[in-house]
Amino acid sequence: MNLLSTLKTFSQGRLSWFLLLAFVVFFEACALFFQHVLMLSPCVMCIYERVAMLGIGGAALIGLIAPNNPVFRWLGLAAWGASAYKGLALSMQHVDYQFNPSPFATCDLFVTFPDWAPLNQWVPWMFEAYGDCSKVVWQFLTLSMPQWLVVIFAANLVALAVIVIAQFAKNK
């Protein structure tokens, strides 16, 4: 059995989608740890990146429903791709705010969610922003938090691309 057909078979099982969901839970728990334990204030871009990460979690839940059903699997893959792409774009913009500060290019002062889903009002401890997007408040191995998010979202897109290519492999 070749690697692509193995990956296709793996994507048709619940374990793969559960691992994706566990990945999201881990990173969301890290974000909440930084916010509520280390007392690092999330900015508007941090909150939007958090929502993109939750979008990947939603994609994992879609895939978990019926991973052997191509409709659910492809819906999960599409949602994963859309969320990871949006997260990558947001985190790259956030990196730009941090390392190329400009009075003409700044993030919003307040998060804006649709009227039908005011997440910052429903769950303020998770979705309210009160930090400054241009400040580097944490670094690990010389990378700031948004730079790590660029790595994480880009890695998601690479993993997704491999899984999507594997969908066209023949099953054994």
N, C-alpha and C. Protein backbone atom coordinates (compact mmCIF):
# COMPACT_ATOMS: atom_id res chain seq x y z
N MET A 1 0.86 -1.18 0.00
CA MET A 1 0.00 0.00 0.00
C MET A 1 0.91 1.23 0.00
N ASN A 2 0.68 2.14 -0.92
CA ASN A 2 1.55 3.32 -0.98
C ASN A 2 1.09 4.39 0.01
N LEU A 3 1.91 5.41 0.17
CA LEU A 3 1.66 6.45 1.18
C LEU A 3 0.35 7.20 0.93
N LEU A 4 0.07 7.55 -0.31
CA LEU A 4 -1.15 8.31 -0.60
C LEU A 4 -2.41 7.52 -0.29
N SER A 5 -2.42 6.24 -0.65
CA SER A 5 -3.62 5.45 -0.33
C SER A 5 -3.73 5.23 1.18
N THR A 6 -2.60 5.16 1.88
CA THR A 6 -2.63 5.05 3.34
C THR A 6 -3.22 6.32 3.95
N LEU A 7 -2.80 7.48 3.42
CA LEU A 7 -3.34 8.75 3.91
C LEU A 7 -4.83 8.90 3.59
N LYS A 8 -5.22 8.41 2.42
CA LYS A 8 -6.64 8.45 2.07
C LYS A 8 -7.44 7.61 3.06
N THR A 9 -6.97 6.41 3.33
CA THR A 9 -7.65 5.54 4.29
C THR A 9 -7.68 6.19 5.66
N PHE A 10 -6.57 6.81 6.07
CA PHE A 10 -6.50 7.50 7.36
C PHE A 10 -7.53 8.63 7.43
N SER A 11 -7.67 9.39 6.34
CA SER A 11 -8.63 10.51 6.33
C SER A 11 -10.09 10.03 6.35
N GLN A 12 -10.30 8.76 6.04
CA GLN A 12 -11.64 8.20 6.05
C GLN A 12 -12.01 7.64 7.42
N GLY A 13 -11.13 7.78 8.37
CA GLY A 13 -11.39 7.30 9.73
C GLY A 13 -11.54 8.47 10.69
N ARG A 14 -12.16 8.20 11.81
CA ARG A 14 -12.39 9.26 12.80
C ARG A 14 -11.12 9.72 13.50
N LEU A 15 -10.13 8.85 13.60
CA LEU A 15 -8.90 9.22 14.31
C LEU A 15 -8.25 10.45 13.69
N SER A 16 -8.21 10.53 12.38
CA SER A 16 -7.56 11.68 11.72
C SER A 16 -8.27 12.98 12.07
N TRP A 17 -9.57 12.94 12.05
CA TRP A 17 -10.35 14.15 12.35
C TRP A 17 -10.30 14.48 13.83
N PHE A 18 -10.24 13.46 14.67
CA PHE A 18 -10.09 13.69 16.10
C PHE A 18 -8.73 14.32 16.40
N LEU A 19 -7.67 13.87 15.72
CA LEU A 19 -6.35 14.46 15.92
C LEU A 19 -6.32 15.92 15.50
N LEU A 20 -7.02 16.25 14.41
CA LEU A 20 -7.11 17.65 13.99
C LEU A 20 -7.83 18.47 15.06
N LEU A 21 -8.91 17.92 15.59
CA LEU A 21 -9.65 18.61 16.65
C LEU A 21 -8.78 18.76 17.91
N ALA A 22 -8.03 17.73 18.26
CA ALA A 22 -7.15 17.79 19.44
C ALA A 22 -6.08 18.87 19.25
N PHE A 23 -5.57 18.99 18.05
CA PHE A 23 -4.60 20.02 17.71
C PHE A 23 -5.20 21.40 17.99
N VAL A 24 -6.43 21.62 17.55
CA VAL A 24 -7.10 22.91 17.76
C VAL A 24 -7.34 23.15 19.25
N VAL A 25 -7.80 22.15 19.96
CA VAL A 25 -8.04 22.29 21.41
C VAL A 25 -6.73 22.65 22.12
N PHE A 26 -5.63 22.01 21.73
CA PHE A 26 -4.33 22.32 22.33
C PHE A 26 -3.95 23.78 22.12
N PHE A 27 -4.06 24.26 20.87
CA PHE A 27 -3.65 25.64 20.59
C PHE A 27 -4.62 26.66 21.20
N GLU A 28 -5.89 26.35 21.25
CA GLU A 28 -6.83 27.25 21.92
C GLU A 28 -6.56 27.29 23.42
N ALA A 29 -6.23 26.14 24.01
CA ALA A 29 -5.87 26.11 25.43
C ALA A 29 -4.61 26.93 25.69
N CYS A 30 -3.65 26.85 24.79
CA CYS A 30 -2.44 27.67 24.91
C CYS A 30 -2.80 29.16 24.87
N ALA A 31 -3.66 29.54 23.94
CA ALA A 31 -4.06 30.95 23.83
C ALA A 31 -4.73 31.43 25.12
N LEU A 32 -5.61 30.60 25.66
CA LEU A 32 -6.29 30.98 26.90
C LEU A 32 -5.32 31.00 28.08
N PHE A 33 -4.32 30.13 28.08
CA PHE A 33 -3.28 30.14 29.11
C PHE A 33 -2.51 31.45 29.04
N PHE A 34 -2.09 31.84 27.84
CA PHE A 34 -1.38 33.10 27.68
C PHE A 34 -2.22 34.28 28.16
N GLN A 35 -3.52 34.23 27.87
CA GLN A 35 -4.40 35.33 28.21
C GLN A 35 -4.71 35.37 29.71
N HIS A 36 -5.13 34.26 30.28
CA HIS A 36 -5.65 34.28 31.64
C HIS A 36 -4.65 33.91 32.73
N VAL A 37 -3.57 33.22 32.38
CA VAL A 37 -2.57 32.85 33.38
C VAL A 37 -1.35 33.78 33.27
N LEU A 38 -0.83 33.94 32.06
CA LEU A 38 0.31 34.82 31.88
C LEU A 38 -0.09 36.29 31.75
N MET A 39 -1.40 36.52 31.67
CA MET A 39 -1.96 37.87 31.62
C MET A 39 -1.49 38.68 30.39
N LEU A 40 -1.36 38.01 29.25
CA LEU A 40 -1.03 38.69 28.00
C LEU A 40 -2.35 39.08 27.32
N SER A 41 -2.55 40.36 27.14
CA SER A 41 -3.81 40.85 26.57
C SER A 41 -3.91 40.53 25.08
N PRO A 42 -4.98 39.86 24.67
CA PRO A 42 -5.14 39.58 23.23
C PRO A 42 -5.57 40.84 22.49
N CYS A 43 -5.04 41.00 21.29
CA CYS A 43 -5.43 42.14 20.45
C CYS A 43 -6.54 41.69 19.48
N VAL A 44 -7.00 42.62 18.68
CA VAL A 44 -8.06 42.32 17.71
C VAL A 44 -7.62 41.21 16.75
N MET A 45 -6.38 41.30 16.25
CA MET A 45 -5.90 40.28 15.32
C MET A 45 -5.78 38.92 16.02
N CYS A 46 -5.37 38.93 17.29
CA CYS A 46 -5.30 37.68 18.06
C CYS A 46 -6.66 37.00 18.11
N ILE A 47 -7.69 37.79 18.34
CA ILE A 47 -9.04 37.24 18.43
C ILE A 47 -9.48 36.69 17.08
N TYR A 48 -9.22 37.42 16.01
CA TYR A 48 -9.59 36.93 14.68
C TYR A 48 -8.82 35.65 14.34
N GLU A 49 -7.54 35.58 14.72
CA GLU A 49 -6.75 34.37 14.49
C GLU A 49 -7.33 33.21 15.31
N ARG A 50 -7.79 33.53 16.51
CA ARG A 50 -8.43 32.53 17.38
C ARG A 50 -9.68 31.96 16.70
N VAL A 51 -10.46 32.84 16.09
CA VAL A 51 -11.68 32.40 15.40
C VAL A 51 -11.31 31.52 14.20
N ALA A 52 -10.26 31.88 13.48
CA ALA A 52 -9.81 31.04 12.35
C ALA A 52 -9.41 29.65 12.84
N MET A 53 -8.72 29.61 14.00
CA MET A 53 -8.33 28.32 14.57
C MET A 53 -9.57 27.52 14.94
N LEU A 54 -10.57 28.20 15.51
CA LEU A 54 -11.83 27.52 15.83
C LEU A 54 -12.54 27.02 14.57
N GLY A 55 -12.34 27.74 13.46
CA GLY A 55 -12.88 27.28 12.18
C GLY A 55 -12.30 25.94 11.79
N ILE A 56 -11.00 25.75 12.05
CA ILE A 56 -10.37 24.46 11.79
C ILE A 56 -11.00 23.40 12.69
N GLY A 57 -11.29 23.78 13.94
CA GLY A 57 -11.98 22.86 14.85
C GLY A 57 -13.36 22.48 14.33
N GLY A 58 -14.08 23.47 13.78
CA GLY A 58 -15.38 23.18 13.18
C GLY A 58 -15.25 22.24 12.00
N ALA A 59 -14.20 22.43 11.21
CA ALA A 59 -13.94 21.52 10.08
C ALA A 59 -13.71 20.10 10.58
N ALA A 60 -12.96 19.99 11.68
CA ALA A 60 -12.71 18.66 12.26
C ALA A 60 -14.01 18.02 12.72
N LEU A 61 -14.90 18.81 13.30
CA LEU A 61 -16.19 18.27 13.75
C LEU A 61 -17.03 17.80 12.56
N ILE A 62 -16.97 18.54 11.45
CA ILE A 62 -17.70 18.12 10.25
C ILE A 62 -17.15 16.77 9.77
N GLY A 63 -15.83 16.66 9.71
CA GLY A 63 -15.21 15.41 9.28
C GLY A 63 -15.50 14.26 10.23
N LEU A 64 -15.60 14.57 11.52
CA LEU A 64 -15.89 13.53 12.52
C LEU A 64 -17.29 12.95 12.38
N ILE A 65 -18.22 13.71 11.82
CA ILE A 65 -19.61 13.25 11.69
C ILE A 65 -19.66 11.93 10.91
N ALA A 66 -19.03 11.92 9.75
CA ALA A 66 -19.05 10.72 8.90
C ALA A 66 -17.85 10.75 7.97
N PRO A 67 -16.66 10.46 8.49
CA PRO A 67 -15.46 10.58 7.66
C PRO A 67 -15.42 9.66 6.45
N ASN A 68 -16.18 8.58 6.49
CA ASN A 68 -16.21 7.66 5.35
C ASN A 68 -17.13 8.16 4.25
N ASN A 69 -18.01 9.11 4.57
CA ASN A 69 -18.91 9.70 3.59
C ASN A 69 -18.16 10.81 2.85
N PRO A 70 -18.03 10.70 1.53
CA PRO A 70 -17.26 11.71 0.79
C PRO A 70 -17.79 13.13 0.95
N VAL A 71 -19.11 13.29 1.09
CA VAL A 71 -19.68 14.64 1.23
C VAL A 71 -19.18 15.29 2.52
N PHE A 72 -19.27 14.59 3.64
CA PHE A 72 -18.80 15.14 4.91
C PHE A 72 -17.28 15.33 4.91
N ARG A 73 -16.58 14.37 4.32
CA ARG A 73 -15.12 14.47 4.28
C ARG A 73 -14.69 15.69 3.47
N TRP A 74 -15.29 15.87 2.28
CA TRP A 74 -14.93 17.02 1.44
C TRP A 74 -15.38 18.34 2.05
N LEU A 75 -16.54 18.35 2.72
CA LEU A 75 -16.96 19.57 3.43
C LEU A 75 -15.96 19.91 4.53
N GLY A 76 -15.52 18.91 5.26
CA GLY A 76 -14.52 19.11 6.31
C GLY A 76 -13.20 19.62 5.73
N LEU A 77 -12.77 19.02 4.63
CA LEU A 77 -11.53 19.46 3.99
C LEU A 77 -11.65 20.90 3.49
N ALA A 78 -12.79 21.24 2.90
CA ALA A 78 -13.00 22.61 2.40
C ALA A 78 -13.01 23.62 3.55
N ALA A 79 -13.70 23.29 4.63
CA ALA A 79 -13.74 24.20 5.79
C ALA A 79 -12.36 24.32 6.42
N TRP A 80 -11.62 23.23 6.46
CA TRP A 80 -10.25 23.25 6.98
C TRP A 80 -9.39 24.20 6.13
N GLY A 81 -9.50 24.06 4.82
CA GLY A 81 -8.72 24.91 3.92
C GLY A 81 -9.08 26.38 4.03
N ALA A 82 -10.37 26.67 4.06
CA ALA A 82 -10.81 28.06 4.16
C ALA A 82 -10.34 28.69 5.48
N SER A 83 -10.47 27.95 6.56
CA SER A 83 -10.07 28.47 7.87
C SER A 83 -8.56 28.64 7.99
N ALA A 84 -7.82 27.66 7.50
CA ALA A 84 -6.36 27.75 7.57
C ALA A 84 -5.84 28.88 6.68
N TYR A 85 -6.44 29.04 5.51
CA TYR A 85 -6.04 30.13 4.62
C TYR A 85 -6.33 31.49 5.26
N LYS A 86 -7.52 31.64 5.82
CA LYS A 86 -7.87 32.91 6.48
C LYS A 86 -6.95 33.16 7.67
N GLY A 87 -6.68 32.12 8.44
CA GLY A 87 -5.77 32.26 9.58
C GLY A 87 -4.37 32.67 9.14
N LEU A 88 -3.89 32.09 8.04
CA LEU A 88 -2.58 32.46 7.53
C LEU A 88 -2.56 33.92 7.09
N ALA A 89 -3.58 34.34 6.37
CA ALA A 89 -3.65 35.74 5.92
C ALA A 89 -3.70 36.70 7.12
N LEU A 90 -4.50 36.37 8.12
CA LEU A 90 -4.60 37.22 9.30
C LEU A 90 -3.27 37.28 10.06
N SER A 91 -2.64 36.14 10.25
CA SER A 91 -1.39 36.13 11.02
C SER A 91 -0.27 36.83 10.25
N MET A 92 -0.25 36.74 8.93
CA MET A 92 0.75 37.47 8.14
C MET A 92 0.52 38.98 8.26
N GLN A 93 -0.73 39.39 8.25
CA GLN A 93 -1.06 40.81 8.44
C GLN A 93 -0.65 41.26 9.85
N HIS A 94 -0.87 40.41 10.83
CA HIS A 94 -0.50 40.71 12.21
C HIS A 94 1.02 40.87 12.33
N VAL A 95 1.78 39.99 11.69
CA VAL A 95 3.25 40.10 11.69
C VAL A 95 3.66 41.43 11.07
N ASP A 96 2.98 41.82 10.02
CA ASP A 96 3.28 43.10 9.38
C ASP A 96 3.02 44.26 10.34
N TYR A 97 1.94 44.21 11.09
CA TYR A 97 1.66 45.26 12.08
C TYR A 97 2.78 45.33 13.12
N GLN A 98 3.32 44.17 13.50
CA GLN A 98 4.35 44.14 14.54
C GLN A 98 5.71 44.62 14.04
N PHE A 99 6.09 44.22 12.85
CA PHE A 99 7.45 44.47 12.41
C PHE A 99 7.58 45.58 11.37
N ASN A 100 6.48 46.11 10.90
CA ASN A 100 6.48 47.27 10.01
C ASN A 100 5.44 48.27 10.48
N PRO A 101 5.61 48.79 11.71
CA PRO A 101 4.58 49.67 12.26
C PRO A 101 4.41 50.94 11.42
N SER A 102 3.16 51.32 11.29
CA SER A 102 2.83 52.53 10.53
C SER A 102 1.56 53.12 11.11
N PRO A 103 1.49 54.44 11.21
CA PRO A 103 0.25 55.04 11.69
C PRO A 103 -0.89 54.89 10.69
N PHE A 104 -0.55 54.50 9.46
CA PHE A 104 -1.57 54.35 8.42
C PHE A 104 -2.07 52.92 8.28
N ALA A 105 -1.35 52.00 8.89
CA ALA A 105 -1.75 50.59 8.84
C ALA A 105 -1.77 50.05 10.26
N THR A 106 -2.93 50.09 10.86
CA THR A 106 -3.10 49.59 12.22
C THR A 106 -4.33 48.70 12.28
N CYS A 107 -4.37 47.88 13.29
CA CYS A 107 -5.56 47.03 13.44
C CYS A 107 -6.68 47.85 14.08
N ASP A 108 -7.87 47.32 14.02
CA ASP A 108 -9.03 47.99 14.60
C ASP A 108 -8.86 48.09 16.12
N LEU A 109 -9.56 49.02 16.72
CA LEU A 109 -9.54 49.17 18.17
C LEU A 109 -10.42 48.13 18.85
N PHE A 110 -11.48 47.73 18.17
CA PHE A 110 -12.44 46.79 18.75
C PHE A 110 -12.72 45.68 17.74
N VAL A 111 -13.00 44.47 18.26
CA VAL A 111 -13.39 43.39 17.37
C VAL A 111 -14.77 43.67 16.79
N THR A 112 -14.97 43.25 15.58
CA THR A 112 -16.29 43.40 14.96
C THR A 112 -16.74 42.03 14.47
N PHE A 113 -17.81 41.59 15.05
CA PHE A 113 -18.43 40.34 14.64
C PHE A 113 -19.79 40.66 14.05
N PRO A 114 -20.36 39.76 13.27
CA PRO A 114 -21.69 40.01 12.70
C PRO A 114 -22.72 40.22 13.81
N ASP A 115 -23.74 40.97 13.51
CA ASP A 115 -24.82 41.21 14.48
C ASP A 115 -25.45 39.91 14.97
N TRP A 116 -25.49 38.91 14.10
CA TRP A 116 -26.13 37.64 14.47
C TRP A 116 -25.21 36.76 15.31
N ALA A 117 -23.91 37.16 15.46
CA ALA A 117 -22.99 36.35 16.28
C ALA A 117 -21.98 37.26 16.99
N PRO A 118 -22.45 38.07 17.93
CA PRO A 118 -21.53 38.95 18.66
C PRO A 118 -20.72 38.17 19.71
N LEU A 119 -19.76 37.40 19.25
CA LEU A 119 -19.00 36.50 20.12
C LEU A 119 -18.36 37.22 21.30
N ASN A 120 -17.90 38.45 21.07
CA ASN A 120 -17.26 39.19 22.16
C ASN A 120 -18.24 39.59 23.25
N GLN A 121 -19.53 39.62 22.93
CA GLN A 121 -20.54 39.89 23.95
C GLN A 121 -21.01 38.59 24.61
N TRP A 122 -21.09 37.54 23.85
CA TRP A 122 -21.54 36.26 24.38
C TRP A 122 -20.48 35.61 25.27
N VAL A 123 -19.22 35.66 24.82
CA VAL A 123 -18.13 34.99 25.54
C VAL A 123 -16.94 35.97 25.63
N PRO A 124 -17.08 37.02 26.42
CA PRO A 124 -16.02 38.04 26.44
C PRO A 124 -14.67 37.54 26.93
N TRP A 125 -14.65 36.55 27.81
CA TRP A 125 -13.38 36.03 28.33
C TRP A 125 -12.55 35.34 27.24
N MET A 126 -13.20 35.05 26.12
CA MET A 126 -12.50 34.38 25.02
C MET A 126 -12.37 35.27 23.77
N PHE A 127 -13.32 36.17 23.56
CA PHE A 127 -13.37 36.90 22.30
C PHE A 127 -13.28 38.42 22.42
N GLU A 128 -13.01 38.96 23.60
CA GLU A 128 -12.86 40.40 23.73
C GLU A 128 -11.38 40.75 23.62
N ALA A 129 -11.09 41.79 22.86
CA ALA A 129 -9.70 42.21 22.65
C ALA A 129 -9.42 43.50 23.40
N TYR A 130 -8.25 43.57 24.03
CA TYR A 130 -7.86 44.78 24.72
C TYR A 130 -6.34 44.99 24.67
N GLY A 131 -5.69 44.30 23.76
CA GLY A 131 -4.25 44.45 23.59
C GLY A 131 -3.92 45.27 22.36
N ASP A 132 -2.64 45.52 22.16
CA ASP A 132 -2.13 46.31 21.03
C ASP A 132 -1.51 45.36 20.00
N CYS A 133 -2.01 45.41 18.78
CA CYS A 133 -1.56 44.51 17.71
C CYS A 133 -0.08 44.68 17.36
N SER A 134 0.45 45.88 17.55
CA SER A 134 1.83 46.13 17.12
C SER A 134 2.86 45.75 18.17
N LYS A 135 2.44 45.42 19.38
CA LYS A 135 3.39 45.05 20.43
C LYS A 135 3.75 43.58 20.36
N VAL A 136 5.02 43.29 20.51
CA VAL A 136 5.49 41.92 20.63
C VAL A 136 5.56 41.64 22.13
N VAL A 137 4.63 40.83 22.63
CA VAL A 137 4.55 40.59 24.07
C VAL A 137 5.09 39.22 24.48
N TRP A 138 5.43 38.39 23.50
CA TRP A 138 5.91 37.04 23.79
C TRP A 138 6.71 36.55 22.61
N GLN A 139 7.80 35.85 22.88
CA GLN A 139 8.60 35.24 21.82
C GLN A 139 9.10 33.88 22.29
N PHE A 140 9.23 32.99 21.35
CA PHE A 140 9.80 31.66 21.61
C PHE A 140 10.67 31.31 20.42
N LEU A 141 11.93 30.98 20.66
CA LEU A 141 12.89 30.68 19.60
C LEU A 141 12.95 31.83 18.58
N THR A 142 12.95 33.02 19.08
CA THR A 142 13.03 34.30 18.34
C THR A 142 11.79 34.65 17.52
N LEU A 143 10.75 33.83 17.55
CA LEU A 143 9.52 34.14 16.80
C LEU A 143 8.44 34.66 17.74
N SER A 144 7.72 35.67 17.28
CA SER A 144 6.60 36.20 18.05
C SER A 144 5.39 35.28 17.88
N MET A 145 4.37 35.52 18.67
CA MET A 145 3.17 34.68 18.59
C MET A 145 2.55 34.67 17.19
N PRO A 146 2.36 35.84 16.54
CA PRO A 146 1.81 35.79 15.18
C PRO A 146 2.73 35.10 14.18
N GLN A 147 4.04 35.18 14.41
CA GLN A 147 4.95 34.45 13.52
C GLN A 147 4.77 32.94 13.69
N TRP A 148 4.57 32.50 14.92
CA TRP A 148 4.29 31.08 15.15
C TRP A 148 2.97 30.69 14.49
N LEU A 149 1.99 31.59 14.53
CA LEU A 149 0.71 31.29 13.89
C LEU A 149 0.86 31.18 12.37
N VAL A 150 1.76 31.98 11.79
CA VAL A 150 2.04 31.82 10.35
C VAL A 150 2.55 30.40 10.10
N VAL A 151 3.47 29.94 10.94
CA VAL A 151 4.01 28.58 10.79
C VAL A 151 2.90 27.54 10.95
N ILE A 152 2.06 27.72 11.97
CA ILE A 152 1.00 26.75 12.27
C ILE A 152 -0.03 26.69 11.15
N PHE A 153 -0.51 27.86 10.70
CA PHE A 153 -1.52 27.87 9.64
C PHE A 153 -0.92 27.39 8.30
N ALA A 154 0.33 27.75 8.02
CA ALA A 154 0.97 27.27 6.79
C ALA A 154 1.14 25.75 6.84
N ALA A 155 1.54 25.23 7.99
CA ALA A 155 1.67 23.77 8.14
C ALA A 155 0.33 23.08 7.93
N ASN A 156 -0.74 23.71 8.40
CA ASN A 156 -2.08 23.18 8.17
C ASN A 156 -2.37 23.09 6.68
N LEU A 157 -2.02 24.13 5.94
CA LEU A 157 -2.29 24.13 4.50
C LEU A 157 -1.46 23.07 3.78
N VAL A 158 -0.22 22.86 4.22
CA VAL A 158 0.62 21.81 3.62
C VAL A 158 0.01 20.44 3.91
N ALA A 159 -0.37 20.22 5.18
CA ALA A 159 -0.99 18.94 5.54
C ALA A 159 -2.27 18.72 4.76
N LEU A 160 -3.07 19.77 4.65
CA LEU A 160 -4.32 19.68 3.90
C LEU A 160 -4.05 19.33 2.44
N ALA A 161 -3.06 19.98 1.84
CA ALA A 161 -2.74 19.71 0.43
C ALA A 161 -2.39 18.23 0.22
N VAL A 162 -1.61 17.68 1.12
CA VAL A 162 -1.24 16.26 1.02
C VAL A 162 -2.48 15.38 1.16
N ILE A 163 -3.34 15.70 2.11
CA ILE A 163 -4.57 14.91 2.33
C ILE A 163 -5.50 15.02 1.11
N VAL A 164 -5.61 16.22 0.54
CA VAL A 164 -6.48 16.39 -0.64
C VAL A 164 -5.92 15.60 -1.81
N ILE A 165 -4.62 15.65 -2.03
CA ILE A 165 -4.01 14.86 -3.11
C ILE A 165 -4.27 13.37 -2.88
N ALA A 166 -4.19 12.96 -1.63
CA ALA A 166 -4.41 11.55 -1.29
C ALA A 166 -5.84 11.09 -1.60
N GLN A 167 -6.79 12.02 -1.63
CA GLN A 167 -8.18 11.66 -1.90
C GLN A 167 -8.34 11.06 -3.30
N PHE A 168 -7.39 11.33 -4.18
CA PHE A 168 -7.47 10.83 -5.55
C PHE A 168 -6.71 9.53 -5.75
N ALA A 169 -6.11 9.03 -4.68
CA ALA A 169 -5.42 7.74 -4.76
C ALA A 169 -6.44 6.60 -4.73
N LYS A 170 -6.04 5.50 -5.30
CA LYS A 170 -6.92 4.34 -5.29
C LYS A 170 -6.82 3.63 -3.97
N ASN A 171 -7.97 3.15 -3.47
CA ASN A 171 -7.98 2.34 -2.25
C ASN A 171 -7.54 0.94 -2.61
N LYS A 172 -6.88 0.29 -1.64
CA LYS A 172 -6.49 -1.10 -1.87
C LYS A 172 -7.50 -2.03 -1.28
